[in-house]
Amino acid sequence: MATPAQIANDMAAHAQYWAKRDKNIERACRDAARVIRALLAGEEVDGRTYYGVQKRLMDRARGQGDYAVAIGGYPDFDRARICMERLRAEAAQS
């Protein structure tokens, strides 16, 4: 199982790959990596940012984009979303 840091790095790498191919996928990946890293650092992530990224990740995971989810090399949006949820829940308990 991947650690949250590995998931953030994976999403950042996907953002670079998709930068010239699909700006919406690139943005979702880049923002997910940024939010995961902020949560790991113990920073406060405002609700608008957090839920905006969550919505983009869910939309992409459900295939509501320019590409079908079945395309090889597609980022694992669900894994990033679940990671964000777990990190936020852990931060709330602390």
N, C-alpha and C. Protein backbone atom coordinates (compact mmCIF):
# COMPACT_ATOMS: atom_id res chain seq x y z
N MET A 1 0.84 -1.18 0.00
CA MET A 1 0.00 0.00 0.00
C MET A 1 0.89 1.24 0.00
N ALA A 2 0.52 2.21 -0.79
CA ALA A 2 1.31 3.43 -0.93
C ALA A 2 1.07 4.36 0.25
N THR A 3 2.12 5.07 0.63
CA THR A 3 2.01 6.06 1.69
C THR A 3 1.41 7.34 1.09
N PRO A 4 0.89 8.22 1.94
CA PRO A 4 0.36 9.49 1.40
C PRO A 4 1.40 10.29 0.62
N ALA A 5 2.65 10.27 1.07
CA ALA A 5 3.71 10.99 0.34
C ALA A 5 3.91 10.40 -1.05
N GLN A 6 3.85 9.08 -1.15
CA GLN A 6 3.99 8.43 -2.46
C GLN A 6 2.81 8.78 -3.37
N ILE A 7 1.62 8.85 -2.80
CA ILE A 7 0.44 9.21 -3.58
C ILE A 7 0.56 10.64 -4.08
N ALA A 8 1.03 11.55 -3.22
CA ALA A 8 1.23 12.94 -3.64
C ALA A 8 2.25 13.03 -4.76
N ASN A 9 3.35 12.28 -4.64
CA ASN A 9 4.37 12.27 -5.70
C ASN A 9 3.82 11.70 -7.00
N ASP A 10 3.01 10.65 -6.89
CA ASP A 10 2.39 10.05 -8.07
C ASP A 10 1.47 11.04 -8.77
N MET A 11 0.68 11.75 -8.01
CA MET A 11 -0.23 12.74 -8.60
C MET A 11 0.55 13.89 -9.23
N ALA A 12 1.65 14.30 -8.61
CA ALA A 12 2.48 15.37 -9.19
C ALA A 12 3.10 14.90 -10.51
N ALA A 13 3.53 13.65 -10.56
CA ALA A 13 4.10 13.12 -11.80
C ALA A 13 3.03 13.05 -12.89
N HIS A 14 1.82 12.64 -12.52
CA HIS A 14 0.73 12.61 -13.49
C HIS A 14 0.40 14.02 -13.99
N ALA A 15 0.49 15.00 -13.09
CA ALA A 15 0.22 16.38 -13.49
C ALA A 15 1.20 16.82 -14.57
N GLN A 16 2.46 16.47 -14.41
CA GLN A 16 3.46 16.82 -15.43
C GLN A 16 3.15 16.13 -16.75
N TYR A 17 2.78 14.86 -16.68
CA TYR A 17 2.49 14.10 -17.89
C TYR A 17 1.30 14.69 -18.64
N TRP A 18 0.24 15.04 -17.91
CA TRP A 18 -0.99 15.50 -18.54
C TRP A 18 -0.98 16.99 -18.87
N ALA A 19 0.06 17.71 -18.51
CA ALA A 19 0.10 19.17 -18.70
C ALA A 19 -0.16 19.58 -20.14
N LYS A 20 0.39 18.89 -21.10
CA LYS A 20 0.21 19.28 -22.50
C LYS A 20 -0.91 18.49 -23.18
N ARG A 21 -1.56 17.61 -22.41
CA ARG A 21 -2.58 16.76 -23.01
C ARG A 21 -3.99 17.15 -22.60
N ASP A 22 -4.18 17.41 -21.30
CA ASP A 22 -5.51 17.75 -20.79
C ASP A 22 -5.32 18.61 -19.54
N LYS A 23 -5.64 19.89 -19.66
CA LYS A 23 -5.44 20.83 -18.56
C LYS A 23 -6.30 20.51 -17.34
N ASN A 24 -7.48 19.96 -17.55
CA ASN A 24 -8.36 19.64 -16.41
C ASN A 24 -7.80 18.49 -15.59
N ILE A 25 -7.26 17.48 -16.24
CA ILE A 25 -6.64 16.37 -15.53
C ILE A 25 -5.38 16.86 -14.82
N GLU A 26 -4.62 17.68 -15.51
CA GLU A 26 -3.40 18.23 -14.91
C GLU A 26 -3.73 19.02 -13.65
N ARG A 27 -4.75 19.84 -13.72
CA ARG A 27 -5.15 20.66 -12.57
C ARG A 27 -5.62 19.79 -11.40
N ALA A 28 -6.41 18.78 -11.69
CA ALA A 28 -6.90 17.89 -10.63
C ALA A 28 -5.73 17.18 -9.95
N CYS A 29 -4.78 16.69 -10.73
CA CYS A 29 -3.62 15.99 -10.18
C CYS A 29 -2.74 16.94 -9.37
N ARG A 30 -2.46 18.10 -9.93
CA ARG A 30 -1.60 19.08 -9.25
C ARG A 30 -2.21 19.53 -7.94
N ASP A 31 -3.52 19.83 -7.95
CA ASP A 31 -4.18 20.29 -6.74
C ASP A 31 -4.28 19.18 -5.69
N ALA A 32 -4.51 17.94 -6.13
CA ALA A 32 -4.56 16.82 -5.18
C ALA A 32 -3.21 16.65 -4.50
N ALA A 33 -2.12 16.72 -5.27
CA ALA A 33 -0.79 16.60 -4.69
C ALA A 33 -0.53 17.71 -3.69
N ARG A 34 -0.94 18.92 -4.03
CA ARG A 34 -0.73 20.07 -3.14
C ARG A 34 -1.51 19.92 -1.84
N VAL A 35 -2.77 19.49 -1.93
CA VAL A 35 -3.60 19.33 -0.73
C VAL A 35 -3.07 18.20 0.14
N ILE A 36 -2.69 17.08 -0.47
CA ILE A 36 -2.15 15.96 0.31
C ILE A 36 -0.89 16.39 1.04
N ARG A 37 -0.01 17.11 0.36
CA ARG A 37 1.22 17.57 1.01
C ARG A 37 0.94 18.56 2.13
N ALA A 38 -0.06 19.43 1.93
CA ALA A 38 -0.42 20.38 2.98
C ALA A 38 -0.97 19.65 4.20
N LEU A 39 -1.81 18.65 3.98
CA LEU A 39 -2.36 17.88 5.10
C LEU A 39 -1.25 17.11 5.82
N LEU A 40 -0.29 16.58 5.08
CA LEU A 40 0.84 15.88 5.70
C LEU A 40 1.68 16.82 6.55
N ALA A 41 1.79 18.06 6.12
CA ALA A 41 2.58 19.05 6.85
C ALA A 41 1.82 19.62 8.05
N GLY A 42 0.57 19.23 8.20
CA GLY A 42 -0.23 19.72 9.33
C GLY A 42 -0.84 21.09 9.09
N GLU A 43 -0.83 21.53 7.84
CA GLU A 43 -1.41 22.83 7.51
C GLU A 43 -2.93 22.74 7.44
N GLU A 44 -3.57 23.85 7.69
CA GLU A 44 -5.02 23.95 7.59
C GLU A 44 -5.40 24.14 6.12
N VAL A 45 -6.27 23.29 5.62
CA VAL A 45 -6.77 23.41 4.25
C VAL A 45 -8.21 23.88 4.34
N ASP A 46 -8.51 25.03 3.73
CA ASP A 46 -9.87 25.55 3.83
C ASP A 46 -10.86 24.65 3.09
N GLY A 47 -12.10 24.70 3.52
CA GLY A 47 -13.13 23.82 2.98
C GLY A 47 -13.37 23.99 1.49
N ARG A 48 -13.31 25.21 1.02
CA ARG A 48 -13.56 25.45 -0.40
C ARG A 48 -12.51 24.76 -1.27
N THR A 49 -11.27 24.86 -0.87
CA THR A 49 -10.19 24.20 -1.61
C THR A 49 -10.33 22.69 -1.53
N TYR A 50 -10.51 22.18 -0.31
CA TYR A 50 -10.60 20.74 -0.09
C TYR A 50 -11.74 20.13 -0.88
N TYR A 51 -12.94 20.69 -0.75
CA TYR A 51 -14.09 20.10 -1.43
C TYR A 51 -14.07 20.35 -2.93
N GLY A 52 -13.43 21.43 -3.37
CA GLY A 52 -13.28 21.65 -4.81
C GLY A 52 -12.40 20.58 -5.44
N VAL A 53 -11.31 20.26 -4.76
CA VAL A 53 -10.43 19.20 -5.25
C VAL A 53 -11.14 17.85 -5.19
N GLN A 54 -11.86 17.60 -4.10
CA GLN A 54 -12.62 16.35 -3.97
C GLN A 54 -13.61 16.20 -5.14
N LYS A 55 -14.31 17.27 -5.47
CA LYS A 55 -15.30 17.20 -6.56
C LYS A 55 -14.62 16.92 -7.90
N ARG A 56 -13.49 17.60 -8.16
CA ARG A 56 -12.79 17.35 -9.42
C ARG A 56 -12.28 15.92 -9.50
N LEU A 57 -11.79 15.40 -8.39
CA LEU A 57 -11.31 14.02 -8.39
C LEU A 57 -12.45 13.04 -8.62
N MET A 58 -13.59 13.29 -7.98
CA MET A 58 -14.74 12.39 -8.17
C MET A 58 -15.27 12.47 -9.59
N ASP A 59 -15.34 13.67 -10.14
CA ASP A 59 -15.80 13.82 -11.53
C ASP A 59 -14.89 13.06 -12.49
N ARG A 60 -13.59 13.20 -12.31
CA ARG A 60 -12.63 12.52 -13.18
C ARG A 60 -12.70 11.01 -13.00
N ALA A 61 -12.84 10.57 -11.76
CA ALA A 61 -12.90 9.12 -11.50
C ALA A 61 -14.14 8.50 -12.12
N ARG A 62 -15.19 9.27 -12.24
CA ARG A 62 -16.44 8.76 -12.82
C ARG A 62 -16.46 8.90 -14.33
N GLY A 63 -15.38 9.44 -14.91
CA GLY A 63 -15.27 9.52 -16.37
C GLY A 63 -16.00 10.70 -16.98
N GLN A 64 -16.21 11.77 -16.21
CA GLN A 64 -16.91 12.93 -16.74
C GLN A 64 -15.93 13.93 -17.33
N GLY A 65 -14.97 13.42 -18.08
CA GLY A 65 -13.98 14.28 -18.69
C GLY A 65 -13.87 14.04 -20.17
N ASP A 66 -12.79 14.51 -20.74
CA ASP A 66 -12.56 14.39 -22.17
C ASP A 66 -12.13 12.99 -22.56
N TYR A 67 -11.58 12.25 -21.61
CA TYR A 67 -11.07 10.90 -21.88
C TYR A 67 -11.85 9.89 -21.05
N ALA A 68 -11.94 8.69 -21.53
CA ALA A 68 -12.57 7.61 -20.76
C ALA A 68 -11.59 7.15 -19.70
N VAL A 69 -12.12 6.73 -18.58
CA VAL A 69 -11.27 6.29 -17.47
C VAL A 69 -10.47 5.05 -17.85
N ALA A 70 -10.94 4.31 -18.83
CA ALA A 70 -10.28 3.07 -19.23
C ALA A 70 -8.94 3.30 -19.94
N ILE A 71 -8.61 4.53 -20.29
CA ILE A 71 -7.37 4.80 -20.99
C ILE A 71 -6.20 4.46 -20.09
N GLY A 72 -5.22 3.75 -20.62
CA GLY A 72 -4.04 3.40 -19.84
C GLY A 72 -3.25 4.64 -19.45
N GLY A 73 -2.65 4.61 -18.27
CA GLY A 73 -1.87 5.74 -17.79
C GLY A 73 -2.70 6.79 -17.08
N TYR A 74 -3.98 6.50 -16.91
CA TYR A 74 -4.86 7.44 -16.22
C TYR A 74 -4.52 7.46 -14.74
N PRO A 75 -4.50 8.61 -14.09
CA PRO A 75 -4.20 8.68 -12.67
C PRO A 75 -5.27 7.97 -11.84
N ASP A 76 -4.89 7.51 -10.67
CA ASP A 76 -5.83 6.86 -9.76
C ASP A 76 -6.47 7.93 -8.88
N PHE A 77 -7.52 8.55 -9.39
CA PHE A 77 -8.17 9.65 -8.69
C PHE A 77 -8.82 9.18 -7.39
N ASP A 78 -9.38 7.99 -7.38
CA ASP A 78 -10.02 7.48 -6.16
C ASP A 78 -9.00 7.31 -5.05
N ARG A 79 -7.82 6.81 -5.38
CA ARG A 79 -6.78 6.62 -4.36
C ARG A 79 -6.39 7.96 -3.75
N ALA A 80 -6.24 8.99 -4.56
CA ALA A 80 -5.89 10.32 -4.05
C ALA A 80 -7.02 10.89 -3.19
N ARG A 81 -8.26 10.70 -3.63
CA ARG A 81 -9.41 11.22 -2.87
C ARG A 81 -9.51 10.54 -1.51
N ILE A 82 -9.35 9.22 -1.48
CA ILE A 82 -9.44 8.48 -0.23
C ILE A 82 -8.30 8.87 0.70
N CYS A 83 -7.13 9.08 0.14
CA CYS A 83 -5.98 9.52 0.93
C CYS A 83 -6.27 10.87 1.59
N MET A 84 -6.83 11.79 0.82
CA MET A 84 -7.18 13.11 1.37
C MET A 84 -8.20 12.98 2.49
N GLU A 85 -9.20 12.13 2.30
CA GLU A 85 -10.22 11.94 3.32
C GLU A 85 -9.61 11.40 4.61
N ARG A 86 -8.72 10.43 4.49
CA ARG A 86 -8.09 9.84 5.68
C ARG A 86 -7.22 10.86 6.41
N LEU A 87 -6.42 11.61 5.65
CA LEU A 87 -5.57 12.61 6.28
C LEU A 87 -6.38 13.69 6.98
N ARG A 88 -7.47 14.10 6.37
CA ARG A 88 -8.31 15.13 7.00
C ARG A 88 -8.99 14.59 8.25
N ALA A 89 -9.42 13.33 8.21
CA ALA A 89 -10.03 12.72 9.40
C ALA A 89 -9.02 12.59 10.54
N GLU A 90 -7.78 12.22 10.21
CA GLU A 90 -6.75 12.12 11.22
C GLU A 90 -6.44 13.48 11.83
N ALA A 91 -6.43 14.52 10.99
CA ALA A 91 -6.16 15.88 11.48
C ALA A 91 -7.29 16.36 12.39
N ALA A 92 -8.51 15.97 12.09
CA ALA A 92 -9.66 16.39 12.89
C ALA A 92 -9.63 15.73 14.27
N GLN A 93 -9.10 14.50 14.35
CA GLN A 93 -9.05 13.78 15.62
C GLN A 93 -7.93 14.32 16.53
N SER A 94 -6.93 14.92 15.93
CA SER A 94 -5.79 15.41 16.72
C SER A 94 -6.12 16.65 17.49
